[in-house]
Amino acid sequence: MRILAFSDLHHSRRRAEALVEAAREADLVIGAGDFCNMRQSLPEAMNLLSGIDAPMVVVPGNAESSDELQDAAHEGTTVLHGSSAEIGGLRLFGLGYGVPVTPFGAWSCDLTEAHAAEMLARCETADILILHSPPKGVADLTSGGISVGSTALREAIERIQPKIALCGHIHESWGQAGQIGRTRVVNLGPTPNWFTF
């Protein structure tokens, strides 16, 4: 199975066009949150991806709520947030939002570490963990070199040991990757990232 994955589209028409074009070769498309900006114009942002024919699995970022994403998602799109799905024999579990709570204010959809840990406890096994935020210590550095990832996400990855954990959120770490045990962690960014299962 060829999987195309991305994060942090942020309503970019140019980025969306490249993803739609790439998706012609994909068996599955994964979107790791932040499709719009500051909870604005999410339906229009999702429409930029309407040319994708492959099944799509998405999690909400901190720029859209789970309910908003569910309402804006097109047919053939599965929204995960503290929930799982099986596609083509692959077990997927997704958790969106900013973890830990961001400094961005009331518009941002965030979870405390404790709430995230509670939602992640529902996952006993997964081949792919789809997250918006990165785990603590991997692909989570700001431009100032500060590690802002989630301890709850790191602990879940250590426990579950999926084959890959996909995330975004920290723009300065787009394209960065690392290992937590057997799990490869990748901060995707809004360009096509390919994985084969």
N, C-alpha and C. Protein backbone atom coordinates (compact mmCIF):
# COMPACT_ATOMS: atom_id res chain seq x y z
N MET A 1 0.84 -1.19 0.00
CA MET A 1 0.00 0.00 0.00
C MET A 1 0.88 1.25 0.00
N ARG A 2 0.62 2.16 -0.91
CA ARG A 2 1.35 3.44 -0.98
C ARG A 2 0.55 4.52 -0.25
N ILE A 3 1.17 5.11 0.74
CA ILE A 3 0.50 6.10 1.57
C ILE A 3 1.15 7.47 1.36
N LEU A 4 0.32 8.45 1.04
CA LEU A 4 0.72 9.85 0.94
C LEU A 4 0.29 10.54 2.22
N ALA A 5 1.20 11.24 2.88
CA ALA A 5 0.86 11.90 4.14
C ALA A 5 1.37 13.34 4.15
N PHE A 6 0.62 14.19 4.84
CA PHE A 6 0.98 15.61 4.95
C PHE A 6 0.36 16.19 6.21
N SER A 7 0.81 17.37 6.57
CA SER A 7 0.21 18.11 7.68
C SER A 7 0.24 19.60 7.35
N ASP A 8 -0.49 20.38 8.12
CA ASP A 8 -0.36 21.84 8.10
C ASP A 8 -0.54 22.47 6.72
N LEU A 9 -1.62 22.10 6.05
CA LEU A 9 -1.93 22.71 4.76
C LEU A 9 -2.19 24.21 4.91
N HIS A 10 -2.85 24.59 5.98
CA HIS A 10 -3.14 26.01 6.27
C HIS A 10 -3.71 26.75 5.06
N HIS A 11 -4.66 26.10 4.39
CA HIS A 11 -5.44 26.72 3.32
C HIS A 11 -4.57 27.19 2.15
N SER A 12 -3.47 26.52 1.89
CA SER A 12 -2.60 26.90 0.78
C SER A 12 -3.05 26.21 -0.50
N ARG A 13 -3.52 27.00 -1.45
CA ARG A 13 -3.98 26.44 -2.72
C ARG A 13 -2.83 25.76 -3.47
N ARG A 14 -1.67 26.39 -3.48
CA ARG A 14 -0.51 25.82 -4.19
C ARG A 14 -0.11 24.47 -3.61
N ARG A 15 -0.04 24.40 -2.28
CA ARG A 15 0.31 23.13 -1.62
C ARG A 15 -0.76 22.07 -1.90
N ALA A 16 -2.02 22.47 -1.85
CA ALA A 16 -3.12 21.53 -2.07
C ALA A 16 -3.06 20.96 -3.48
N GLU A 17 -2.77 21.80 -4.46
CA GLU A 17 -2.69 21.32 -5.85
C GLU A 17 -1.61 20.25 -6.00
N ALA A 18 -0.47 20.45 -5.34
CA ALA A 18 0.61 19.46 -5.40
C ALA A 18 0.20 18.16 -4.72
N LEU A 19 -0.54 18.26 -3.63
CA LEU A 19 -0.99 17.06 -2.92
C LEU A 19 -2.03 16.29 -3.73
N VAL A 20 -2.96 17.01 -4.34
CA VAL A 20 -3.98 16.36 -5.18
C VAL A 20 -3.31 15.64 -6.35
N GLU A 21 -2.34 16.28 -6.95
CA GLU A 21 -1.61 15.66 -8.06
C GLU A 21 -0.89 14.40 -7.59
N ALA A 22 -0.19 14.49 -6.46
CA ALA A 22 0.55 13.34 -5.94
C ALA A 22 -0.40 12.20 -5.56
N ALA A 23 -1.57 12.54 -5.06
CA ALA A 23 -2.52 11.54 -4.56
C ALA A 23 -3.02 10.59 -5.64
N ARG A 24 -2.81 10.94 -6.90
CA ARG A 24 -3.20 10.03 -7.99
C ARG A 24 -2.47 8.70 -7.90
N GLU A 25 -1.29 8.70 -7.26
CA GLU A 25 -0.48 7.49 -7.11
C GLU A 25 -0.67 6.82 -5.76
N ALA A 26 -1.58 7.35 -4.92
CA ALA A 26 -1.72 6.87 -3.54
C ALA A 26 -2.88 5.89 -3.39
N ASP A 27 -2.68 4.92 -2.50
CA ASP A 27 -3.76 4.02 -2.09
C ASP A 27 -4.49 4.56 -0.88
N LEU A 28 -3.82 5.42 -0.11
CA LEU A 28 -4.37 6.03 1.09
C LEU A 28 -3.70 7.37 1.29
N VAL A 29 -4.48 8.37 1.72
CA VAL A 29 -3.94 9.70 2.02
C VAL A 29 -4.21 10.00 3.49
N ILE A 30 -3.18 10.49 4.18
CA ILE A 30 -3.29 10.84 5.59
C ILE A 30 -3.00 12.32 5.76
N GLY A 31 -3.90 13.02 6.46
CA GLY A 31 -3.73 14.44 6.76
C GLY A 31 -3.66 14.64 8.26
N ALA A 32 -2.53 15.16 8.75
CA ALA A 32 -2.29 15.26 10.19
C ALA A 32 -2.61 16.65 10.75
N GLY A 33 -3.72 17.23 10.31
CA GLY A 33 -4.25 18.41 10.96
C GLY A 33 -3.79 19.76 10.42
N ASP A 34 -4.50 20.79 10.86
CA ASP A 34 -4.32 22.19 10.44
C ASP A 34 -4.55 22.37 8.94
N PHE A 35 -5.79 22.15 8.55
CA PHE A 35 -6.18 22.33 7.16
C PHE A 35 -6.50 23.79 6.86
N CYS A 36 -6.94 24.54 7.88
CA CYS A 36 -7.29 25.95 7.70
C CYS A 36 -6.44 26.79 8.65
N ASN A 37 -6.85 28.02 8.88
CA ASN A 37 -6.15 28.94 9.77
C ASN A 37 -7.11 29.48 10.83
N MET A 38 -6.76 29.29 12.09
CA MET A 38 -7.49 29.93 13.19
C MET A 38 -9.00 29.71 13.12
N ARG A 39 -9.42 28.48 12.75
CA ARG A 39 -10.83 28.07 12.72
C ARG A 39 -11.63 28.79 11.63
N GLN A 40 -10.95 29.35 10.63
CA GLN A 40 -11.63 30.11 9.59
C GLN A 40 -11.64 29.35 8.26
N SER A 41 -12.78 29.34 7.59
CA SER A 41 -12.90 28.86 6.20
C SER A 41 -12.47 27.40 6.03
N LEU A 42 -12.80 26.55 7.00
CA LEU A 42 -12.42 25.14 6.89
C LEU A 42 -13.08 24.45 5.70
N PRO A 43 -14.38 24.66 5.43
CA PRO A 43 -14.97 24.00 4.26
C PRO A 43 -14.24 24.34 2.96
N GLU A 44 -13.85 25.61 2.82
CA GLU A 44 -13.12 26.02 1.61
C GLU A 44 -11.75 25.35 1.56
N ALA A 45 -11.09 25.24 2.71
CA ALA A 45 -9.78 24.58 2.75
C ALA A 45 -9.91 23.11 2.37
N MET A 46 -10.94 22.44 2.86
CA MET A 46 -11.13 21.02 2.54
C MET A 46 -11.50 20.84 1.07
N ASN A 47 -12.20 21.84 0.51
CA ASN A 47 -12.55 21.76 -0.92
C ASN A 47 -11.31 21.78 -1.81
N LEU A 48 -10.21 22.37 -1.32
CA LEU A 48 -8.96 22.37 -2.09
C LEU A 48 -8.45 20.94 -2.30
N LEU A 49 -8.89 20.01 -1.45
CA LEU A 49 -8.45 18.62 -1.53
C LEU A 49 -9.50 17.71 -2.17
N SER A 50 -10.55 18.31 -2.71
CA SER A 50 -11.68 17.52 -3.22
C SER A 50 -11.32 16.65 -4.42
N GLY A 51 -10.19 16.95 -5.07
CA GLY A 51 -9.75 16.13 -6.21
C GLY A 51 -9.08 14.84 -5.81
N ILE A 52 -8.93 14.58 -4.51
CA ILE A 52 -8.32 13.33 -4.06
C ILE A 52 -9.36 12.22 -4.09
N ASP A 53 -9.08 11.17 -4.86
CA ASP A 53 -10.01 10.06 -4.99
C ASP A 53 -9.71 8.93 -4.01
N ALA A 54 -8.47 8.82 -3.56
CA ALA A 54 -8.10 7.74 -2.64
C ALA A 54 -8.78 7.95 -1.29
N PRO A 55 -8.99 6.88 -0.52
CA PRO A 55 -9.49 7.05 0.84
C PRO A 55 -8.56 7.98 1.62
N MET A 56 -9.15 8.81 2.47
CA MET A 56 -8.35 9.76 3.24
C MET A 56 -8.70 9.62 4.72
N VAL A 57 -7.66 9.63 5.57
CA VAL A 57 -7.83 9.60 7.02
C VAL A 57 -7.18 10.86 7.57
N VAL A 58 -7.91 11.60 8.40
CA VAL A 58 -7.42 12.88 8.90
C VAL A 58 -7.64 12.99 10.40
N VAL A 59 -6.81 13.83 11.04
CA VAL A 59 -7.05 14.23 12.42
C VAL A 59 -7.14 15.75 12.44
N PRO A 60 -7.87 16.31 13.40
CA PRO A 60 -7.92 17.76 13.51
C PRO A 60 -6.63 18.32 14.07
N GLY A 61 -6.23 19.48 13.56
CA GLY A 61 -5.09 20.17 14.15
C GLY A 61 -5.59 21.07 15.27
N ASN A 62 -4.79 22.03 15.66
CA ASN A 62 -5.28 23.01 16.63
C ASN A 62 -6.02 24.15 15.92
N ALA A 63 -6.01 24.15 14.58
CA ALA A 63 -6.68 25.21 13.82
C ALA A 63 -8.13 24.87 13.47
N GLU A 64 -8.57 23.64 13.80
CA GLU A 64 -9.97 23.26 13.57
C GLU A 64 -10.36 22.24 14.64
N SER A 65 -11.63 22.26 15.02
CA SER A 65 -12.11 21.29 16.01
C SER A 65 -12.47 19.98 15.33
N SER A 66 -12.58 18.95 16.12
CA SER A 66 -12.98 17.64 15.61
C SER A 66 -14.35 17.71 14.94
N ASP A 67 -15.29 18.38 15.58
CA ASP A 67 -16.64 18.51 15.02
C ASP A 67 -16.63 19.31 13.73
N GLU A 68 -15.86 20.38 13.70
CA GLU A 68 -15.76 21.20 12.49
C GLU A 68 -15.18 20.38 11.33
N LEU A 69 -14.17 19.58 11.63
CA LEU A 69 -13.55 18.76 10.59
C LEU A 69 -14.50 17.68 10.11
N GLN A 70 -15.24 17.09 11.03
CA GLN A 70 -16.23 16.07 10.66
C GLN A 70 -17.27 16.66 9.72
N ASP A 71 -17.71 17.87 10.02
CA ASP A 71 -18.72 18.53 9.18
C ASP A 71 -18.18 18.90 7.81
N ALA A 72 -16.90 19.24 7.73
CA ALA A 72 -16.32 19.73 6.47
C ALA A 72 -15.72 18.61 5.61
N ALA A 73 -15.55 17.43 6.20
CA ALA A 73 -14.89 16.33 5.49
C ALA A 73 -15.77 15.82 4.35
N HIS A 74 -15.11 15.46 3.25
CA HIS A 74 -15.83 14.92 2.10
C HIS A 74 -16.10 13.44 2.27
N GLU A 75 -16.99 12.92 1.45
CA GLU A 75 -17.27 11.49 1.43
C GLU A 75 -15.97 10.74 1.14
N GLY A 76 -15.75 9.65 1.86
CA GLY A 76 -14.52 8.90 1.69
C GLY A 76 -13.41 9.33 2.64
N THR A 77 -13.71 10.32 3.49
CA THR A 77 -12.73 10.79 4.48
C THR A 77 -13.14 10.32 5.87
N THR A 78 -12.21 9.72 6.59
CA THR A 78 -12.43 9.27 7.95
C THR A 78 -11.72 10.23 8.90
N VAL A 79 -12.46 10.77 9.86
CA VAL A 79 -11.89 11.67 10.86
C VAL A 79 -11.64 10.89 12.14
N LEU A 80 -10.40 10.91 12.61
CA LEU A 80 -10.04 10.24 13.85
C LEU A 80 -9.61 11.27 14.90
N HIS A 81 -10.10 11.09 16.11
CA HIS A 81 -9.67 11.93 17.23
C HIS A 81 -9.95 11.14 18.50
N GLY A 82 -8.93 10.44 18.97
CA GLY A 82 -9.13 9.52 20.08
C GLY A 82 -9.85 8.26 19.63
N SER A 83 -9.68 7.92 18.35
CA SER A 83 -10.40 6.79 17.77
C SER A 83 -9.54 6.08 16.73
N SER A 84 -10.03 4.93 16.29
CA SER A 84 -9.24 4.09 15.38
C SER A 84 -10.04 3.70 14.16
N ALA A 85 -9.32 3.20 13.16
CA ALA A 85 -9.94 2.68 11.93
C ALA A 85 -9.00 1.64 11.36
N GLU A 86 -9.56 0.75 10.56
CA GLU A 86 -8.74 -0.22 9.84
C GLU A 86 -8.98 -0.04 8.35
N ILE A 87 -7.92 0.17 7.60
CA ILE A 87 -8.01 0.38 6.16
C ILE A 87 -6.96 -0.49 5.49
N GLY A 88 -7.39 -1.33 4.57
CA GLY A 88 -6.47 -2.19 3.85
C GLY A 88 -5.63 -3.07 4.75
N GLY A 89 -6.22 -3.47 5.87
CA GLY A 89 -5.50 -4.32 6.81
C GLY A 89 -4.58 -3.58 7.76
N LEU A 90 -4.47 -2.26 7.61
CA LEU A 90 -3.64 -1.45 8.51
C LEU A 90 -4.49 -0.88 9.64
N ARG A 91 -3.98 -0.97 10.84
CA ARG A 91 -4.66 -0.42 12.00
C ARG A 91 -4.15 0.99 12.25
N LEU A 92 -5.07 1.96 12.22
CA LEU A 92 -4.73 3.37 12.39
C LEU A 92 -5.39 3.90 13.65
N PHE A 93 -4.66 4.72 14.40
CA PHE A 93 -5.25 5.43 15.54
C PHE A 93 -4.85 6.89 15.42
N GLY A 94 -5.81 7.79 15.65
CA GLY A 94 -5.53 9.21 15.49
C GLY A 94 -5.87 10.02 16.72
N LEU A 95 -5.05 11.03 16.98
CA LEU A 95 -5.33 12.02 18.02
C LEU A 95 -4.85 13.37 17.53
N GLY A 96 -5.78 14.30 17.42
CA GLY A 96 -5.45 15.63 16.93
C GLY A 96 -5.23 16.63 18.05
N TYR A 97 -5.34 17.91 17.69
CA TYR A 97 -5.23 19.06 18.58
C TYR A 97 -3.78 19.34 18.99
N GLY A 98 -3.59 20.51 19.59
CA GLY A 98 -2.31 20.88 20.14
C GLY A 98 -2.13 20.24 21.51
N VAL A 99 -1.03 19.51 21.70
CA VAL A 99 -0.70 18.90 22.98
C VAL A 99 0.78 19.15 23.24
N PRO A 100 1.14 19.78 24.36
CA PRO A 100 0.29 20.35 25.39
C PRO A 100 -0.40 21.62 24.91
N VAL A 101 -1.14 22.26 25.80
CA VAL A 101 -1.91 23.46 25.46
C VAL A 101 -0.96 24.53 24.90
N THR A 102 -1.36 25.11 23.77
CA THR A 102 -0.54 26.12 23.10
C THR A 102 -0.74 27.50 23.73
N PRO A 103 0.12 28.46 23.41
CA PRO A 103 -0.06 29.84 23.89
C PRO A 103 -0.89 30.69 22.95
N PHE A 104 -1.59 30.07 21.98
CA PHE A 104 -2.20 30.85 20.90
C PHE A 104 -3.55 31.46 21.24
N GLY A 105 -4.15 31.08 22.35
CA GLY A 105 -5.40 31.72 22.76
C GLY A 105 -6.63 30.88 22.50
N ALA A 106 -7.79 31.54 22.62
CA ALA A 106 -9.07 30.83 22.66
C ALA A 106 -9.43 30.11 21.37
N TRP A 107 -8.91 30.57 20.23
CA TRP A 107 -9.29 29.90 18.98
C TRP A 107 -8.64 28.53 18.84
N SER A 108 -7.53 28.30 19.52
CA SER A 108 -6.75 27.07 19.33
C SER A 108 -7.39 25.88 20.02
N CYS A 109 -7.50 24.77 19.31
CA CYS A 109 -8.05 23.53 19.85
C CYS A 109 -6.90 22.73 20.47
N ASP A 110 -6.88 22.64 21.78
CA ASP A 110 -5.76 22.05 22.51
C ASP A 110 -6.24 21.01 23.51
N LEU A 111 -5.30 20.17 23.93
CA LEU A 111 -5.54 19.19 25.00
C LEU A 111 -4.42 19.32 26.02
N THR A 112 -4.78 19.16 27.29
CA THR A 112 -3.75 19.03 28.31
C THR A 112 -3.08 17.67 28.15
N GLU A 113 -1.90 17.53 28.74
CA GLU A 113 -1.22 16.24 28.71
C GLU A 113 -2.10 15.15 29.33
N ALA A 114 -2.78 15.46 30.42
CA ALA A 114 -3.61 14.47 31.11
C ALA A 114 -4.78 14.02 30.24
N HIS A 115 -5.43 14.98 29.58
CA HIS A 115 -6.56 14.63 28.71
C HIS A 115 -6.09 13.82 27.51
N ALA A 116 -4.95 14.20 26.93
CA ALA A 116 -4.40 13.45 25.81
C ALA A 116 -4.07 12.01 26.24
N ALA A 117 -3.46 11.86 27.41
CA ALA A 117 -3.12 10.52 27.91
C ALA A 117 -4.36 9.67 28.08
N GLU A 118 -5.42 10.28 28.56
CA GLU A 118 -6.69 9.58 28.75
C GLU A 118 -7.25 9.09 27.41
N MET A 119 -7.19 9.93 26.39
CA MET A 119 -7.70 9.55 25.07
C MET A 119 -6.80 8.51 24.41
N LEU A 120 -5.48 8.62 24.62
CA LEU A 120 -4.54 7.66 24.04
C LEU A 120 -4.63 6.29 24.69
N ALA A 121 -5.13 6.24 25.91
CA ALA A 121 -5.27 4.96 26.62
C ALA A 121 -6.24 4.03 25.90
N ARG A 122 -7.09 4.57 25.03
CA ARG A 122 -8.03 3.75 24.25
C ARG A 122 -7.31 2.90 23.20
N CYS A 123 -6.08 3.27 22.88
CA CYS A 123 -5.34 2.58 21.83
C CYS A 123 -4.42 1.53 22.42
N GLU A 124 -4.69 0.28 22.07
CA GLU A 124 -3.84 -0.81 22.54
C GLU A 124 -2.82 -1.23 21.49
N THR A 125 -3.19 -1.09 20.22
CA THR A 125 -2.29 -1.48 19.15
C THR A 125 -2.58 -0.64 17.91
N ALA A 126 -1.54 -0.37 17.12
CA ALA A 126 -1.72 0.37 15.87
C ALA A 126 -0.49 0.16 15.00
N ASP A 127 -0.70 0.14 13.70
CA ASP A 127 0.41 0.15 12.75
C ASP A 127 0.88 1.58 12.50
N ILE A 128 -0.08 2.51 12.45
CA ILE A 128 0.23 3.92 12.20
C ILE A 128 -0.50 4.76 13.24
N LEU A 129 0.24 5.62 13.92
CA LEU A 129 -0.33 6.59 14.84
C LEU A 129 -0.33 7.93 14.11
N ILE A 130 -1.51 8.54 13.97
CA ILE A 130 -1.65 9.82 13.28
C ILE A 130 -1.92 10.88 14.34
N LEU A 131 -1.00 11.82 14.46
CA LEU A 131 -1.06 12.84 15.50
C LEU A 131 -0.98 14.21 14.84
N HIS A 132 -1.42 15.22 15.54
CA HIS A 132 -1.11 16.57 15.06
C HIS A 132 0.19 17.05 15.71
N SER A 133 0.29 16.90 17.01
CA SER A 133 1.47 17.36 17.73
C SER A 133 2.55 16.29 17.75
N PRO A 134 3.82 16.70 17.82
CA PRO A 134 4.90 15.73 17.91
C PRO A 134 5.09 15.25 19.35
N PRO A 135 5.74 14.12 19.51
CA PRO A 135 6.09 13.65 20.85
C PRO A 135 7.28 14.44 21.39
N LYS A 136 7.39 14.50 22.69
CA LYS A 136 8.50 15.20 23.33
C LYS A 136 9.83 14.63 22.87
N GLY A 137 10.70 15.51 22.40
CA GLY A 137 12.07 15.13 22.09
C GLY A 137 12.35 14.68 20.67
N VAL A 138 11.32 14.61 19.82
CA VAL A 138 11.53 14.19 18.43
C VAL A 138 10.76 15.13 17.51
N ALA A 139 11.46 15.78 16.58
CA ALA A 139 10.84 16.65 15.58
C ALA A 139 9.92 17.69 16.21
N ASP A 140 10.37 18.24 17.34
CA ASP A 140 9.50 19.15 18.11
C ASP A 140 10.19 20.45 18.51
N LEU A 141 11.26 20.84 17.79
CA LEU A 141 12.00 22.04 18.17
C LEU A 141 11.45 23.29 17.49
N THR A 142 11.27 24.33 18.26
CA THR A 142 10.89 25.64 17.71
C THR A 142 12.13 26.30 17.12
N SER A 143 11.93 27.46 16.50
CA SER A 143 13.07 28.19 15.91
C SER A 143 14.07 28.59 16.98
N GLY A 144 13.62 28.70 18.23
CA GLY A 144 14.52 29.03 19.33
C GLY A 144 15.20 27.81 19.94
N GLY A 145 14.96 26.63 19.34
CA GLY A 145 15.59 25.41 19.83
C GLY A 145 14.93 24.81 21.05
N ILE A 146 13.68 25.22 21.32
CA ILE A 146 12.97 24.71 22.49
C ILE A 146 12.14 23.49 22.10
N SER A 147 12.25 22.42 22.89
CA SER A 147 11.48 21.19 22.67
C SER A 147 10.08 21.38 23.25
N VAL A 148 9.06 21.37 22.37
CA VAL A 148 7.69 21.67 22.82
C VAL A 148 6.73 20.49 22.57
N GLY A 149 7.27 19.30 22.33
CA GLY A 149 6.43 18.14 22.09
C GLY A 149 5.73 17.65 23.35
N SER A 150 4.92 16.62 23.16
CA SER A 150 4.05 16.10 24.22
C SER A 150 4.64 14.87 24.89
N THR A 151 4.67 14.91 26.22
CA THR A 151 5.10 13.72 26.97
C THR A 151 4.07 12.61 26.88
N ALA A 152 2.78 12.96 26.85
CA ALA A 152 1.73 11.93 26.74
C ALA A 152 1.84 11.19 25.41
N LEU A 153 2.14 11.92 24.33
CA LEU A 153 2.29 11.29 23.03
C LEU A 153 3.53 10.40 23.01
N ARG A 154 4.61 10.87 23.60
CA ARG A 154 5.82 10.06 23.64
C ARG A 154 5.58 8.75 24.41
N GLU A 155 4.92 8.86 25.56
CA GLU A 155 4.64 7.67 26.36
C GLU A 155 3.74 6.69 25.61
N ALA A 156 2.78 7.21 24.87
CA ALA A 156 1.90 6.34 24.08
C ALA A 156 2.68 5.62 22.99
N ILE A 157 3.57 6.34 22.32
CA ILE A 157 4.39 5.71 21.27
C ILE A 157 5.29 4.62 21.89
N GLU A 158 5.88 4.93 23.04
CA GLU A 158 6.72 3.93 23.72
C GLU A 158 5.92 2.68 24.07
N ARG A 159 4.67 2.86 24.46
CA ARG A 159 3.81 1.73 24.86
C ARG A 159 3.30 0.95 23.67
N ILE A 160 2.81 1.65 22.64
CA ILE A 160 2.14 1.00 21.50
C ILE A 160 3.14 0.48 20.48
N GLN A 161 4.23 1.24 20.27
CA GLN A 161 5.25 0.92 19.28
C GLN A 161 4.67 0.66 17.88
N PRO A 162 3.94 1.65 17.33
CA PRO A 162 3.49 1.52 15.95
C PRO A 162 4.69 1.53 15.01
N LYS A 163 4.46 1.13 13.76
CA LYS A 163 5.56 1.17 12.79
C LYS A 163 5.99 2.61 12.54
N ILE A 164 5.00 3.50 12.38
CA ILE A 164 5.30 4.92 12.21
C ILE A 164 4.32 5.77 13.01
N ALA A 165 4.80 6.94 13.43
CA ALA A 165 3.95 7.96 14.05
C ALA A 165 4.13 9.22 13.23
N LEU A 166 3.04 9.72 12.70
CA LEU A 166 3.06 10.89 11.81
C LEU A 166 2.50 12.09 12.55
N CYS A 167 3.16 13.25 12.40
CA CYS A 167 2.72 14.45 13.10
C CYS A 167 3.03 15.69 12.26
N GLY A 168 2.78 16.85 12.82
CA GLY A 168 3.06 18.13 12.20
C GLY A 168 3.20 19.18 13.28
N HIS A 169 2.41 20.26 13.16
CA HIS A 169 2.22 21.28 14.20
C HIS A 169 3.40 22.23 14.37
N ILE A 170 4.60 21.71 14.59
CA ILE A 170 5.76 22.59 14.80
C ILE A 170 6.41 22.83 13.44
N HIS A 171 6.10 23.98 12.85
CA HIS A 171 6.50 24.26 11.46
C HIS A 171 8.02 24.21 11.29
N GLU A 172 8.75 24.66 12.28
CA GLU A 172 10.21 24.70 12.16
C GLU A 172 10.82 23.30 12.10
N SER A 173 10.04 22.28 12.46
CA SER A 173 10.53 20.90 12.43
C SER A 173 9.95 20.08 11.29
N TRP A 174 9.27 20.74 10.34
CA TRP A 174 8.78 20.00 9.16
C TRP A 174 9.94 19.27 8.50
N GLY A 175 9.71 18.02 8.14
CA GLY A 175 10.72 17.23 7.47
C GLY A 175 11.68 16.53 8.42
N GLN A 176 11.58 16.82 9.71
CA GLN A 176 12.45 16.16 10.69
C GLN A 176 11.87 14.80 11.07
N ALA A 177 12.75 13.88 11.44
CA ALA A 177 12.32 12.53 11.82
C ALA A 177 13.25 11.98 12.89
N GLY A 178 12.79 10.96 13.58
CA GLY A 178 13.60 10.30 14.60
C GLY A 178 12.96 9.00 15.01
N GLN A 179 13.55 8.35 15.98
CA GLN A 179 13.08 7.05 16.45
C GLN A 179 12.69 7.11 17.91
N ILE A 180 11.62 6.41 18.25
CA ILE A 180 11.28 6.11 19.64
C ILE A 180 11.10 4.60 19.70
N GLY A 181 12.10 3.92 20.19
CA GLY A 181 12.08 2.46 20.14
C GLY A 181 12.07 1.99 18.70
N ARG A 182 11.09 1.15 18.34
CA ARG A 182 10.98 0.65 16.97
C ARG A 182 10.20 1.59 16.06
N THR A 183 9.67 2.66 16.62
CA THR A 183 8.77 3.55 15.88
C THR A 183 9.52 4.70 15.23
N ARG A 184 9.32 4.87 13.92
CA ARG A 184 9.84 6.04 13.22
C ARG A 184 8.83 7.17 13.34
N VAL A 185 9.28 8.31 13.82
CA VAL A 185 8.43 9.49 14.00
C VAL A 185 8.79 10.51 12.93
N VAL A 186 7.78 11.01 12.20
CA VAL A 186 8.04 11.97 11.11
C VAL A 186 7.12 13.18 11.27
N ASN A 187 7.73 14.37 11.32
CA ASN A 187 6.98 15.62 11.26
C ASN A 187 6.83 15.95 9.78
N LEU A 188 5.62 15.86 9.27
CA LEU A 188 5.36 15.82 7.83
C LEU A 188 5.53 17.14 7.11
N GLY A 189 4.77 18.15 7.52
CA GLY A 189 4.72 19.38 6.75
C GLY A 189 3.80 19.23 5.54
N PRO A 190 3.57 20.34 4.79
CA PRO A 190 2.55 20.37 3.75
C PRO A 190 3.01 19.90 2.37
N THR A 191 4.07 19.14 2.31
CA THR A 191 4.53 18.59 1.03
C THR A 191 4.28 17.09 1.02
N PRO A 192 4.27 16.45 -0.16
CA PRO A 192 4.01 15.01 -0.21
C PRO A 192 5.10 14.20 0.49
N ASN A 193 4.68 13.34 1.42
CA ASN A 193 5.56 12.39 2.10
C ASN A 193 5.04 10.99 1.78
N TRP A 194 5.92 10.09 1.39
CA TRP A 194 5.48 8.76 0.94
C TRP A 194 5.95 7.67 1.90
N PHE A 195 5.05 6.72 2.16
CA PHE A 195 5.34 5.57 3.00
C PHE A 195 4.74 4.35 2.30
N THR A 196 5.43 3.22 2.41
CA THR A 196 4.95 1.98 1.77
C THR A 196 4.77 0.90 2.83
N PHE A 197 3.62 0.25 2.80
CA PHE A 197 3.32 -0.86 3.71
C PHE A 197 2.97 -2.10 2.91
